[in-house]
PDB file of N, CA and C in Angstrom:
ATOM      1  N   MET A   1      70.880  45.818 -21.842  1.00  0.00           N
ATOM      2  CA  MET A   1      70.437  46.185 -20.535  1.00  0.00           C
ATOM      3  C   MET A   1      69.552  45.110 -19.952  1.00  0.00           C
ATOM      4  N   ARG A   2      69.743  44.831 -18.725  1.00  0.00           N
ATOM      5  CA  ARG A   2      68.940  43.826 -18.042  1.00  0.00           C
ATOM      6  C   ARG A   2      68.035  44.491 -17.040  1.00  0.00           C
ATOM      7  N   ARG A   3      66.855  43.900 -16.867  1.00  0.00           N
ATOM      8  CA  ARG A   3      65.956  44.402 -15.840  1.00  0.00           C
ATOM      9  C   ARG A   3      66.362  43.832 -14.504  1.00  0.00           C
ATOM     10  N   ALA A   4      66.076  44.558 -13.515  1.00  0.00           N
ATOM     11  CA  ALA A   4      66.481  44.126 -12.187  1.00  0.00           C
ATOM     12  C   ALA A   4      65.555  43.037 -11.649  1.00  0.00           C
ATOM     13  N   GLY A   5      64.299  42.987 -12.087  1.00  0.00           N
ATOM     14  CA  GLY A   5      63.340  42.031 -11.533  1.00  0.00           C
ATOM     15  C   GLY A   5      63.414  40.653 -12.152  1.00  0.00           C
ATOM     16  N   LEU A   6      64.169  40.455 -13.218  1.00  0.00           N
ATOM     17  CA  LEU A   6      64.182  39.167 -13.879  1.00  0.00           C
ATOM     18  C   LEU A   6      65.092  38.159 -13.202  1.00  0.00           C
ATOM     19  N   GLY A   7      66.051  38.544 -12.591  1.00  0.00           N
ATOM     20  CA  GLY A   7      66.986  37.603 -11.980  1.00  0.00           C
ATOM     21  C   GLY A   7      68.095  37.282 -12.934  1.00  0.00           C
ATOM     22  N   GLU A   8      69.162  36.797 -12.389  1.00  0.00           N
ATOM     23  CA  GLU A   8      70.355  36.579 -13.198  1.00  0.00           C
ATOM     24  C   GLU A   8      70.235  35.369 -14.113  1.00  0.00           C
ATOM     25  N   GLY A   9      69.712  34.217 -13.620  1.00  0.00           N
ATOM     26  CA  GLY A   9      69.736  32.996 -14.414  1.00  0.00           C
ATOM     27  C   GLY A   9      68.470  32.752 -15.206  1.00  0.00           C
ATOM     28  N   ALA A  10      67.497  33.627 -15.171  1.00  0.00           N
ATOM     29  CA  ALA A  10      66.221  33.392 -15.838  1.00  0.00           C
ATOM     30  C   ALA A  10      66.294  33.796 -17.287  1.00  0.00           C
ATOM     31  N   PRO A  11      65.839  32.933 -18.197  1.00  0.00           N
ATOM     32  CA  PRO A  11      65.794  33.303 -19.604  1.00  0.00           C
ATOM     33  C   PRO A  11      64.771  34.412 -19.813  1.00  0.00           C
ATOM     34  N   ALA A  12      64.870  35.112 -20.915  1.00  0.00           N
ATOM     35  CA  ALA A  12      64.029  36.284 -21.165  1.00  0.00           C
ATOM     36  C   ALA A  12      62.570  35.916 -21.389  1.00  0.00           C
ATOM     37  N   GLY A  13      62.240  34.678 -21.795  1.00  0.00           N
ATOM     38  CA  GLY A  13      60.867  34.296 -22.098  1.00  0.00           C
ATOM     39  C   GLY A  13      60.074  33.819 -20.892  1.00  0.00           C
ATOM     40  N   ASN A  14      60.647  33.690 -19.728  1.00  0.00           N
ATOM     41  CA  ASN A  14      59.951  33.154 -18.567  1.00  0.00           C
ATOM     42  C   ASN A  14      59.270  34.215 -17.710  1.00  0.00           C
ATOM     43  N   TYR A  15      59.398  35.452 -18.039  1.00  0.00           N
ATOM     44  CA  TYR A  15      58.757  36.552 -17.334  1.00  0.00           C
ATOM     45  C   TYR A  15      59.096  36.587 -15.855  1.00  0.00           C
ATOM     46  N   GLY A  16      60.278  36.313 -15.531  1.00  0.00           N
ATOM     47  CA  GLY A  16      60.728  36.445 -14.156  1.00  0.00           C
ATOM     48  C   GLY A  16      60.598  35.190 -13.316  1.00  0.00           C
ATOM     49  N   TYR A  17      60.001  34.124 -13.849  1.00  0.00           N
ATOM     50  CA  TYR A  17      59.892  32.879 -13.092  1.00  0.00           C
ATOM     51  C   TYR A  17      61.150  32.077 -13.287  1.00  0.00           C
ATOM     52  N   THR A  18      61.552  31.379 -12.252  1.00  0.00           N
ATOM     53  CA  THR A  18      62.672  30.463 -12.446  1.00  0.00           C
ATOM     54  C   THR A  18      62.163  29.262 -13.209  1.00  0.00           C
ATOM     55  N   SER A  19      62.988  28.603 -13.922  1.00  0.00           N
ATOM     56  CA  SER A  19      62.535  27.535 -14.803  1.00  0.00           C
ATOM     57  C   SER A  19      61.927  26.380 -14.011  1.00  0.00           C
ATOM     58  N   SER A  20      62.420  26.037 -12.858  1.00  0.00           N
ATOM     59  CA  SER A  20      61.873  24.901 -12.124  1.00  0.00           C
ATOM     60  C   SER A  20      60.525  25.242 -11.500  1.00  0.00           C
ATOM     61  N   GLY A  21      60.333  26.408 -10.925  1.00  0.00           N
ATOM     62  CA  GLY A  21      59.060  26.790 -10.323  1.00  0.00           C
ATOM     63  C   GLY A  21      57.974  26.966 -11.360  1.00  0.00           C
ATOM     64  N   TYR A  22      58.304  27.549 -12.483  1.00  0.00           N
ATOM     65  CA  TYR A  22      57.352  27.774 -13.563  1.00  0.00           C
ATOM     66  C   TYR A  22      56.865  26.455 -14.132  1.00  0.00           C
ATOM     67  N   SER A  23      57.729  25.525 -14.345  1.00  0.00           N
ATOM     68  CA  SER A  23      57.338  24.252 -14.948  1.00  0.00           C
ATOM     69  C   SER A  23      56.460  23.438 -14.005  1.00  0.00           C
ATOM     70  N   VAL A  24      56.671  23.540 -12.706  1.00  0.00           N
ATOM     71  CA  VAL A  24      55.821  22.812 -11.759  1.00  0.00           C
ATOM     72  C   VAL A  24      54.396  23.335 -11.841  1.00  0.00           C
ATOM     73  N   TYR A  25      54.255  24.662 -11.849  1.00  0.00           N
ATOM     74  CA  TYR A  25      52.921  25.245 -11.951  1.00  0.00           C
ATOM     75  C   TYR A  25      52.288  24.965 -13.300  1.00  0.00           C
ATOM     76  N   GLU A  26      53.094  25.003 -14.334  1.00  0.00           N
ATOM     77  CA  GLU A  26      52.595  24.738 -15.682  1.00  0.00           C
ATOM     78  C   GLU A  26      52.141  23.287 -15.812  1.00  0.00           C
ATOM     79  N   GLU A  27      52.899  22.355 -15.274  1.00  0.00           N
ATOM     80  CA  GLU A  27      52.522  20.943 -15.317  1.00  0.00           C
ATOM     81  C   GLU A  27      51.254  20.696 -14.513  1.00  0.00           C
ATOM     82  N   GLU A  28      51.144  21.319 -13.348  1.00  0.00           N
ATOM     83  CA  GLU A  28      49.938  21.157 -12.534  1.00  0.00           C
ATOM     84  C   GLU A  28      48.738  21.751 -13.266  1.00  0.00           C
ATOM     85  N   ASN A  29      48.939  22.904 -13.875  1.00  0.00           N
ATOM     86  CA  ASN A  29      47.862  23.538 -14.641  1.00  0.00           C
ATOM     87  C   ASN A  29      47.442  22.651 -15.807  1.00  0.00           C
ATOM     88  N   ASP A  30      48.397  22.072 -16.514  1.00  0.00           N
ATOM     89  CA  ASP A  30      48.079  21.168 -17.619  1.00  0.00           C
ATOM     90  C   ASP A  30      47.323  19.936 -17.128  1.00  0.00           C
ATOM     91  N   ARG A  31      47.764  19.389 -16.009  1.00  0.00           N
ATOM     92  CA  ARG A  31      47.106  18.208 -15.443  1.00  0.00           C
ATOM     93  C   ARG A  31      45.666  18.534 -15.035  1.00  0.00           C
ATOM     94  N   LEU A  32      45.465  19.666 -14.375  1.00  0.00           N
ATOM     95  CA  LEU A  32      44.119  20.066 -13.959  1.00  0.00           C
ATOM     96  C   LEU A  32      43.240  20.391 -15.163  1.00  0.00           C
ATOM     97  N   THR A  33      43.843  20.985 -16.187  1.00  0.00           N
ATOM     98  CA  THR A  33      43.099  21.281 -17.408  1.00  0.00           C
ATOM     99  C   THR A  33      42.643  19.997 -18.080  1.00  0.00           C
ATOM    100  N   GLU A  34      43.525  19.028 -18.152  1.00  0.00           N
ATOM    101  CA  GLU A  34      43.170  17.740 -18.754  1.00  0.00           C
ATOM    102  C   GLU A  34      42.093  17.035 -17.931  1.00  0.00           C
ATOM    103  N   SER A  35      42.202  17.096 -16.617  1.00  0.00           N
ATOM    104  CA  SER A  35      41.189  16.505 -15.744  1.00  0.00           C
ATOM    105  C   SER A  35      39.841  17.169 -15.958  1.00  0.00           C
ATOM    106  N   LEU A  36      39.839  18.484 -16.050  1.00  0.00           N
ATOM    107  CA  LEU A  36      38.606  19.230 -16.294  1.00  0.00           C
ATOM    108  C   LEU A  36      38.029  18.892 -17.661  1.00  0.00           C
ATOM    109  N   ARG A  37      38.890  18.776 -18.667  1.00  0.00           N
ATOM    110  CA  ARG A  37      38.442  18.419 -20.011  1.00  0.00           C
ATOM    111  C   ARG A  37      37.792  17.038 -20.005  1.00  0.00           C
ATOM    112  N   THR A  38      38.379  16.090 -19.276  1.00  0.00           N
ATOM    113  CA  THR A  38      37.814  14.742 -19.189  1.00  0.00           C
ATOM    114  C   THR A  38      36.444  14.776 -18.518  1.00  0.00           C
ATOM    115  N   LYS A  39      36.323  15.540 -17.438  1.00  0.00           N
ATOM    116  CA  LYS A  39      35.052  15.621 -16.728  1.00  0.00           C
ATOM    117  C   LYS A  39      33.975  16.287 -17.578  1.00  0.00           C
ATOM    118  N   VAL A  40      34.338  17.335 -18.288  1.00  0.00           N
ATOM    119  CA  VAL A  40      33.386  18.019 -19.168  1.00  0.00           C
ATOM    120  C   VAL A  40      32.935  17.080 -20.282  1.00  0.00           C
ATOM    121  N   SER A  41      33.853  16.320 -20.824  1.00  0.00           N
ATOM    122  CA  SER A  41      33.509  15.363 -21.881  1.00  0.00           C
ATOM    123  C   SER A  41      32.557  14.297 -21.348  1.00  0.00           C
ATOM    124  N   ALA A  42      32.795  13.817 -20.122  1.00  0.00           N
ATOM    125  CA  ALA A  42      31.913  12.811 -19.525  1.00  0.00           C
ATOM    126  C   ALA A  42      30.524  13.393 -19.282  1.00  0.00           C
ATOM    127  N   ILE A  43      30.467  14.616 -18.802  1.00  0.00           N
ATOM    128  CA  ILE A  43      29.174  15.253 -18.553  1.00  0.00           C
ATOM    129  C   ILE A  43      28.439  15.498 -19.873  1.00  0.00           C
ATOM    130  N   LYS A  44      29.168  15.868 -20.913  1.00  0.00           N
ATOM    131  CA  LYS A  44      28.551  16.091 -22.216  1.00  0.00           C
ATOM    132  C   LYS A  44      27.940  14.807 -22.754  1.00  0.00           C
ATOM    133  N   SER A  45      28.686  13.707 -22.693  1.00  0.00           N
ATOM    134  CA  SER A  45      28.155  12.436 -23.201  1.00  0.00           C
ATOM    135  C   SER A  45      26.970  11.966 -22.357  1.00  0.00           C
ATOM    136  N   LEU A  46      27.038  12.206 -21.050  1.00  0.00           N
ATOM    137  CA  LEU A  46      25.929  11.834 -20.170  1.00  0.00           C
ATOM    138  C   LEU A  46      24.682  12.648 -20.497  1.00  0.00           C
ATOM    139  N   SER A  47      24.848  13.936 -20.745  1.00  0.00           N
ATOM    140  CA  SER A  47      23.685  14.768 -21.075  1.00  0.00           C
ATOM    141  C   SER A  47      23.098  14.387 -22.425  1.00  0.00           C
ATOM    142  N   ILE A  48      23.928  13.973 -23.372  1.00  0.00           N
ATOM    143  CA  ILE A  48      23.427  13.510 -24.668  1.00  0.00           C
ATOM    144  C   ILE A  48      22.627  12.225 -24.488  1.00  0.00           C
ATOM    145  N   GLU A  49      23.134  11.313 -23.662  1.00  0.00           N
ATOM    146  CA  GLU A  49      22.412  10.067 -23.392  1.00  0.00           C
ATOM    147  C   GLU A  49      21.087  10.344 -22.688  1.00  0.00           C
ATOM    148  N   ILE A  50      21.085  11.286 -21.752  1.00  0.00           N
ATOM    149  CA  ILE A  50      19.841  11.648 -21.058  1.00  0.00           C
ATOM    150  C   ILE A  50      18.844  12.227 -22.060  1.00  0.00           C
ATOM    151  N   GLY A  51      19.310  13.086 -22.962  1.00  0.00           N
ATOM    152  CA  GLY A  51      18.433  13.651 -23.984  1.00  0.00           C
ATOM    153  C   GLY A  51      17.825  12.583 -24.877  1.00  0.00           C
ATOM    154  N   THR A  52      18.637  11.613 -25.271  1.00  0.00           N
ATOM    155  CA  THR A  52      18.140  10.507 -26.093  1.00  0.00           C
ATOM    156  C   THR A  52      17.100   9.697 -25.335  1.00  0.00           C
ATOM    157  N   GLU A  53      17.367   9.419 -24.069  1.00  0.00           N
ATOM    158  CA  GLU A  53      16.427   8.651 -23.250  1.00  0.00           C
ATOM    159  C   GLU A  53      15.118   9.413 -23.065  1.00  0.00           C
ATOM    160  N   VAL A  54      15.203  10.720 -22.871  1.00  0.00           N
ATOM    161  CA  VAL A  54      13.993  11.533 -22.720  1.00  0.00           C
ATOM    162  C   VAL A  54      13.165  11.491 -24.005  1.00  0.00           C
ATOM    163  N   LYS A  55      13.815  11.573 -25.163  1.00  0.00           N
ATOM    164  CA  LYS A  55      13.084  11.492 -26.434  1.00  0.00           C
ATOM    165  C   LYS A  55      12.386  10.145 -26.578  1.00  0.00           C
ATOM    166  N   ASN A  56      13.091   9.068 -26.222  1.00  0.00           N
ATOM    167  CA  ASN A  56      12.482   7.737 -26.302  1.00  0.00           C
ATOM    168  C   ASN A  56      11.299   7.611 -25.354  1.00  0.00           C
ATOM    169  N   GLN A  57      11.450   8.124 -24.129  1.00  0.00           N
ATOM    170  CA  GLN A  57      10.361   8.047 -23.152  1.00  0.00           C
ATOM    171  C   GLN A  57       9.158   8.874 -23.620  1.00  0.00           C
ATOM    172  N   ASN A  58       9.398  10.046 -24.193  1.00  0.00           N
ATOM    173  CA  ASN A  58       8.296  10.865 -24.707  1.00  0.00           C
ATOM    174  C   ASN A  58       7.566  10.162 -25.841  1.00  0.00           C
ATOM    175  N   LYS A  59       8.332   9.470 -26.697  1.00  0.00           N
ATOM    176  CA  LYS A  59       7.718   8.729 -27.794  1.00  0.00           C
ATOM    177  C   LYS A  59       6.849   7.600 -27.241  1.00  0.00           C
ATOM    178  N   MET A  60       7.365   6.880 -26.241  1.00  0.00           N
ATOM    179  CA  MET A  60       6.581   5.803 -25.633  1.00  0.00           C
ATOM    180  C   MET A  60       5.317   6.337 -24.972  1.00  0.00           C
ATOM    181  N   LEU A  61       5.432   7.451 -24.267  1.00  0.00           N
ATOM    182  CA  LEU A  61       4.265   8.049 -23.622  1.00  0.00           C
ATOM    183  C   LEU A  61       3.222   8.475 -24.648  1.00  0.00           C
ATOM    184  N   SER A  62       3.665   9.006 -25.763  1.00  0.00           N
ATOM    185  CA  SER A  62       2.738   9.402 -26.820  1.00  0.00           C
ATOM    186  C   SER A  62       2.004   8.186 -27.380  1.00  0.00           C
ATOM    187  N   GLU A  63       2.744   7.100 -27.601  1.00  0.00           N
ATOM    188  CA  GLU A  63       2.120   5.872 -28.093  1.00  0.00           C
ATOM    189  C   GLU A  63       1.132   5.313 -27.077  1.00  0.00           C
ATOM    190  N   MET A  64       1.502   5.359 -25.792  1.00  0.00           N
ATOM    191  CA  MET A  64       0.588   4.881 -24.755  1.00  0.00           C
ATOM    192  C   MET A  64      -0.674   5.739 -24.693  1.00  0.00           C
ATOM    193  N   GLU A  65      -0.503   7.049 -24.869  1.00  0.00           N
ATOM    194  CA  GLU A  65      -1.664   7.938 -24.857  1.00  0.00           C
ATOM    195  C   GLU A  65      -2.612   7.583 -25.998  1.00  0.00           C
ATOM    196  N   ASN A  66      -2.067   7.310 -27.176  1.00  0.00           N
ATOM    197  CA  ASN A  66      -2.901   6.916 -28.317  1.00  0.00           C
ATOM    198  C   ASN A  66      -3.614   5.598 -28.036  1.00  0.00           C
ATOM    199  N   ASP A  67      -2.899   4.643 -27.447  1.00  0.00           N
ATOM    200  CA  ASP A  67      -3.508   3.353 -27.117  1.00  0.00           C
ATOM    201  C   ASP A  67      -4.633   3.523 -26.102  1.00  0.00           C
ATOM    202  N   PHE A  68      -4.398   4.347 -25.074  1.00  0.00           N
ATOM    203  CA  PHE A  68      -5.433   4.571 -24.067  1.00  0.00           C
ATOM    204  C   PHE A  68      -6.643   5.285 -24.674  1.00  0.00           C
ATOM    205  N   ASP A  69      -6.407   6.213 -25.591  1.00  0.00           N
ATOM    206  CA  ASP A  69      -7.521   6.900 -26.240  1.00  0.00           C
ATOM    207  C   ASP A  69      -8.374   5.925 -27.045  1.00  0.00           C
ATOM    208  N   SER A  70      -7.719   5.039 -27.802  1.00  0.00           N
ATOM    209  CA  SER A  70      -8.481   4.073 -28.600  1.00  0.00           C
ATOM    210  C   SER A  70      -9.208   3.076 -27.704  1.00  0.00           C
ATOM    211  N   THR A  71      -8.571   2.669 -26.610  1.00  0.00           N
ATOM    212  CA  THR A  71      -9.221   1.752 -25.673  1.00  0.00           C
ATOM    213  C   THR A  71     -10.403   2.437 -25.000  1.00  0.00           C
ATOM    214  N   GLY A  72     -10.247   3.709 -24.660  1.00  0.00           N
ATOM    215  CA  GLY A  72     -11.348   4.458 -24.057  1.00  0.00           C
ATOM    216  C   GLY A  72     -12.529   4.573 -25.003  1.00  0.00           C
ATOM    217  N   GLY A  73     -12.244   4.779 -26.296  1.00  0.00           N
ATOM    218  CA  GLY A  73     -13.324   4.839 -27.279  1.00  0.00           C
ATOM    219  C   GLY A  73     -14.040   3.508 -27.403  1.00  0.00           C
ATOM    220  N   LEU A  74     -13.283   2.422 -27.427  1.00  0.00           N
ATOM    221  CA  LEU A  74     -13.884   1.093 -27.508  1.00  0.00           C
ATOM    222  C   LEU A  74     -14.721   0.801 -26.278  1.00  0.00           C
ATOM    223  N   LEU A  75     -14.195   1.150 -25.109  1.00  0.00           N
ATOM    224  CA  LEU A  75     -14.923   0.921 -23.864  1.00  0.00           C
ATOM    225  C   LEU A  75     -16.198   1.765 -23.819  1.00  0.00           C
ATOM    226  N   GLY A  76     -16.114   3.001 -24.300  1.00  0.00           N
ATOM    227  CA  GLY A  76     -17.303   3.858 -24.336  1.00  0.00           C
ATOM    228  C   GLY A  76     -18.384   3.284 -25.238  1.00  0.00           C
ATOM    229  N   ALA A  77     -17.985   2.762 -26.394  1.00  0.00           N
ATOM    230  CA  ALA A  77     -18.956   2.156 -27.312  1.00  0.00           C
ATOM    231  C   ALA A  77     -19.598   0.922 -26.675  1.00  0.00           C
ATOM    232  N   THR A  78     -18.797   0.119 -25.988  1.00  0.00           N
ATOM    233  CA  THR A  78     -19.324  -1.072 -25.331  1.00  0.00           C
ATOM    234  C   THR A  78     -20.303  -0.695 -24.215  1.00  0.00           C
ATOM    235  N   MET A  79     -19.953   0.321 -23.450  1.00  0.00           N
ATOM    236  CA  MET A  79     -20.854   0.758 -22.379  1.00  0.00           C
ATOM    237  C   MET A  79     -22.161   1.297 -22.958  1.00  0.00           C
ATOM    238  N   GLY A  80     -22.091   1.967 -24.092  1.00  0.00           N
ATOM    239  CA  GLY A  80     -23.306   2.441 -24.759  1.00  0.00           C
ATOM    240  C   GLY A  80     -24.198   1.288 -25.176  1.00  0.00           C
ATOM    241  N   ARG A  81     -23.604   0.244 -25.698  1.00  0.00           N
ATOM    242  CA  ARG A  81     -24.393  -0.940 -26.086  1.00  0.00           C
ATOM    243  C   ARG A  81     -25.024  -1.598 -24.863  1.00  0.00           C
ATOM    244  N   LEU A  82     -24.252  -1.671 -23.772  1.00  0.00           N
ATOM    245  CA  LEU A  82     -24.813  -2.258 -22.557  1.00  0.00           C
ATOM    246  C   LEU A  82     -25.970  -1.421 -22.013  1.00  0.00           C
ATOM    247  N   ARG A  83     -25.847  -0.103 -22.084  1.00  0.00           N
ATOM    248  CA  ARG A  83     -26.946   0.766 -21.642  1.00  0.00           C
ATOM    249  C   ARG A  83     -28.188   0.541 -22.495  1.00  0.00           C
ATOM    250  N   THR A  84     -27.974   0.399 -23.794  1.00  0.00           N
ATOM    251  CA  THR A  84     -29.099   0.150 -24.688  1.00  0.00           C
ATOM    252  C   THR A  84     -29.744  -1.179 -24.359  1.00  0.00           C
ATOM    253  N   LEU A  85     -28.938  -2.180 -24.080  1.00  0.00           N
ATOM    254  CA  LEU A  85     -29.456  -3.500 -23.746  1.00  0.00           C
ATOM    255  C   LEU A  85     -30.190  -3.477 -22.418  1.00  0.00           C
ATOM    256  N   SER A  86     -29.684  -2.712 -21.457  1.00  0.00           N
ATOM    257  CA  SER A  86     -30.305  -2.706 -20.125  1.00  0.00           C
ATOM    258  C   SER A  86     -31.565  -1.853 -20.068  1.00  0.00           C
ATOM    259  N   ARG A  87     -31.806  -1.006 -21.047  1.00  0.00           N
ATOM    260  CA  ARG A  87     -32.992  -0.153 -21.031  1.00  0.00           C
ATOM    261  C   ARG A  87     -34.267  -0.929 -21.343  1.00  0.00           C
ATOM    262  N   GLY A  88     -34.132  -2.138 -21.786  1.00  0.00           N
ATOM    263  CA  GLY A  88     -35.313  -2.956 -22.019  1.00  0.00           C
ATOM    264  C   GLY A  88     -35.739  -3.004 -23.462  1.00  0.00           C
ATOM    265  N   SER A  89     -35.036  -2.350 -24.341  1.00  0.00           N
ATOM    266  CA  SER A  89     -35.432  -2.379 -25.737  1.00  0.00           C
ATOM    267  C   SER A  89     -35.222  -3.771 -26.334  1.00  0.00           C
ATOM    268  N   GLN A  90     -34.352  -4.526 -25.727  1.00  0.00           N
ATOM    269  CA  GLN A  90     -34.110  -5.885 -26.215  1.00  0.00           C
ATOM    270  C   GLN A  90     -34.293  -6.892 -25.085  1.00  0.00           C
ATOM    271  N   THR A  91     -35.313  -6.688 -24.291  1.00  0.00           N
ATOM    272  CA  THR A  91     -35.577  -7.566 -23.154  1.00  0.00           C
ATOM    273  C   THR A  91     -35.873  -8.978 -23.620  1.00  0.00           C
ATOM    274  N   LYS A  92     -36.566  -9.088 -24.744  1.00  0.00           N
ATOM    275  CA  LYS A  92     -36.894 -10.405 -25.289  1.00  0.00           C
ATOM    276  C   LYS A  92     -35.624 -11.207 -25.590  1.00  0.00           C
ATOM    277  N   LEU A  93     -34.671 -10.547 -26.217  1.00  0.00           N
ATOM    278  CA  LEU A  93     -33.412 -11.203 -26.563  1.00  0.00           C
ATOM    279  C   LEU A  93     -32.667 -11.637 -25.307  1.00  0.00           C
ATOM    280  N   LEU A  94     -32.657 -10.790 -24.303  1.00  0.00           N
ATOM    281  CA  LEU A  94     -31.992 -11.125 -23.045  1.00  0.00           C
ATOM    282  C   LEU A  94     -32.669 -12.313 -22.376  1.00  0.00           C
ATOM    283  N   CYS A  95     -33.975 -12.357 -22.419  1.00  0.00           N
ATOM    284  CA  CYS A  95     -34.720 -13.472 -21.834  1.00  0.00           C
ATOM    285  C   CYS A  95     -34.410 -14.776 -22.580  1.00  0.00           C
ATOM    286  N   TYR A  96     -34.357 -14.728 -23.906  1.00  0.00           N
ATOM    287  CA  TYR A  96     -34.001 -15.911 -24.690  1.00  0.00           C
ATOM    288  C   TYR A  96     -32.593 -16.398 -24.358  1.00  0.00           C
ATOM    289  N   MET A  97     -31.669 -15.465 -24.200  1.00  0.00           N
ATOM    290  CA  MET A  97     -30.296 -15.845 -23.857  1.00  0.00           C
ATOM    291  C   MET A  97     -30.242 -16.531 -22.500  1.00  0.00           C
ATOM    292  N   MET A  98     -30.980 -16.044 -21.528  1.00  0.00           N
ATOM    293  CA  MET A  98     -30.998 -16.652 -20.193  1.00  0.00           C
ATOM    294  C   MET A  98     -31.624 -18.051 -20.257  1.00  0.00           C
ATOM    295  N   LEU A  99     -32.716 -18.205 -20.992  1.00  0.00           N
ATOM    296  CA  LEU A  99     -33.357 -19.522 -21.127  1.00  0.00           C
ATOM    297  C   LEU A  99     -32.421 -20.516 -21.826  1.00  0.00           C
ATOM    298  N   PHE A 100     -31.730 -20.069 -22.859  1.00  0.00           N
ATOM    299  CA  PHE A 100     -30.788 -20.935 -23.560  1.00  0.00           C
ATOM    300  C   PHE A 100     -29.654 -21.355 -22.619  1.00  0.00           C
ATOM    301  N   SER A 101     -29.154 -20.422 -21.809  1.00  0.00           N
ATOM    302  CA  SER A 101     -28.085 -20.748 -20.855  1.00  0.00           C
ATOM    303  C   SER A 101     -28.564 -21.771 -19.833  1.00  0.00           C
ATOM    304  N   LEU A 102     -29.782 -21.616 -19.332  1.00  0.00           N
ATOM    305  CA  LEU A 102     -30.331 -22.599 -18.381  1.00  0.00           C
ATOM    306  C   LEU A 102     -30.503 -23.963 -19.045  1.00  0.00           C
ATOM    307  N   PHE A 103     -30.973 -23.972 -20.295  1.00  0.00           N
ATOM    308  CA  PHE A 103     -31.142 -25.235 -21.015  1.00  0.00           C
ATOM    309  C   PHE A 103     -29.808 -25.960 -21.174  1.00  0.00           C
ATOM    310  N   VAL A 104     -28.755 -25.218 -21.586  1.00  0.00           N
ATOM    311  CA  VAL A 104     -27.427 -25.810 -21.751  1.00  0.00           C
ATOM    312  C   VAL A 104     -26.923 -26.327 -20.403  1.00  0.00           C
ATOM    313  N   PHE A 105     -27.131 -25.565 -19.342  1.00  0.00           N
ATOM    314  CA  PHE A 105     -26.700 -26.000 -18.016  1.00  0.00           C
ATOM    315  C   PHE A 105     -27.384 -27.314 -17.629  1.00  0.00           C
ATOM    316  N   PHE A 106     -28.714 -27.440 -17.839  1.00  0.00           N
ATOM    317  CA  PHE A 106     -29.421 -28.669 -17.476  1.00  0.00           C
ATOM    318  C   PHE A 106     -29.013 -29.844 -18.356  1.00  0.00           C
ATOM    319  N   VAL A 107     -28.730 -29.608 -19.625  1.00  0.00           N
ATOM    320  CA  VAL A 107     -28.272 -30.683 -20.514  1.00  0.00           C
ATOM    321  C   VAL A 107     -26.920 -31.200 -20.038  1.00  0.00           C
ATOM    322  N   ILE A 108     -26.019 -30.320 -19.707  1.00  0.00           N
ATOM    323  CA  ILE A 108     -24.701 -30.743 -19.219  1.00  0.00           C
ATOM    324  C   ILE A 108     -24.846 -31.477 -17.889  1.00  0.00           C
ATOM    325  N   TYR A 109     -25.706 -30.976 -17.006  1.00  0.00           N
ATOM    326  CA  TYR A 109     -25.944 -31.633 -15.712  1.00  0.00           C
ATOM    327  C   TYR A 109     -26.527 -33.029 -15.931  1.00  0.00           C
ATOM    328  N   TRP A 110     -27.485 -33.169 -16.852  1.00  0.00           N
ATOM    329  CA  TRP A 110     -28.121 -34.462 -17.117  1.00  0.00           C
ATOM    330  C   TRP A 110     -27.099 -35.459 -17.689  1.00  0.00           C
ATOM    331  N   ILE A 111     -26.200 -34.971 -18.602  1.00  0.00           N
ATOM    332  CA  ILE A 111     -25.169 -35.840 -19.196  1.00  0.00           C
ATOM    333  C   ILE A 111     -24.203 -36.319 -18.109  1.00  0.00           C
ATOM    334  N   ILE A 112     -23.804 -35.437 -17.215  1.00  0.00           N
ATOM    335  CA  ILE A 112     -22.876 -35.817 -16.135  1.00  0.00           C
ATOM    336  C   ILE A 112     -23.567 -36.784 -15.174  1.00  0.00           C
ATOM    337  N   LYS A 113     -24.844 -36.569 -14.895  1.00  0.00           N
ATOM    338  CA  LYS A 113     -25.577 -37.418 -13.957  1.00  0.00           C
ATOM    339  C   LYS A 113     -25.766 -38.826 -14.501  1.00  0.00           C
ATOM    340  N   LEU A 114     -25.931 -38.993 -15.805  1.00  0.00           N
ATOM    341  CA  LEU A 114     -26.136 -40.320 -16.402  1.00  0.00           C
ATOM    342  C   LEU A 114     -24.864 -41.158 -16.443  1.00  0.00           C
ATOM    343  N   ARG A 115     -23.753 -40.607 -16.384  1.00  0.00           N
ATOM    344  CA  ARG A 115     -22.497 -41.364 -16.456  1.00  0.00           C
ATOM    345  C   ARG A 115     -22.265 -42.105 -15.234  1.00  0.00           C
TER     346      ARG A 115
END
């Protein structure tokens, strides 16, 4: 017994589609599926690369933060020493340094003047 909706020339496995119309849609579907698969693969590789770059950038930022922290500590210690020096506890030493600098300046000036 044959069904009336299948048509005379259609094989039983095509579900009522003619062989030429079915294959056109099937080929287009396969082509679009392959195109979609290619695009998904490209997006996947791009997202993996972005993830890797983000990890590298986070690592660099962490290293920079550590460097800035150590530099801040060094700068704080130096500023503390300068505050101690400026409070006058070592005024004598500062005065000696200024006198020595003036002496060196005059010696260099005298040597240049004699030439």
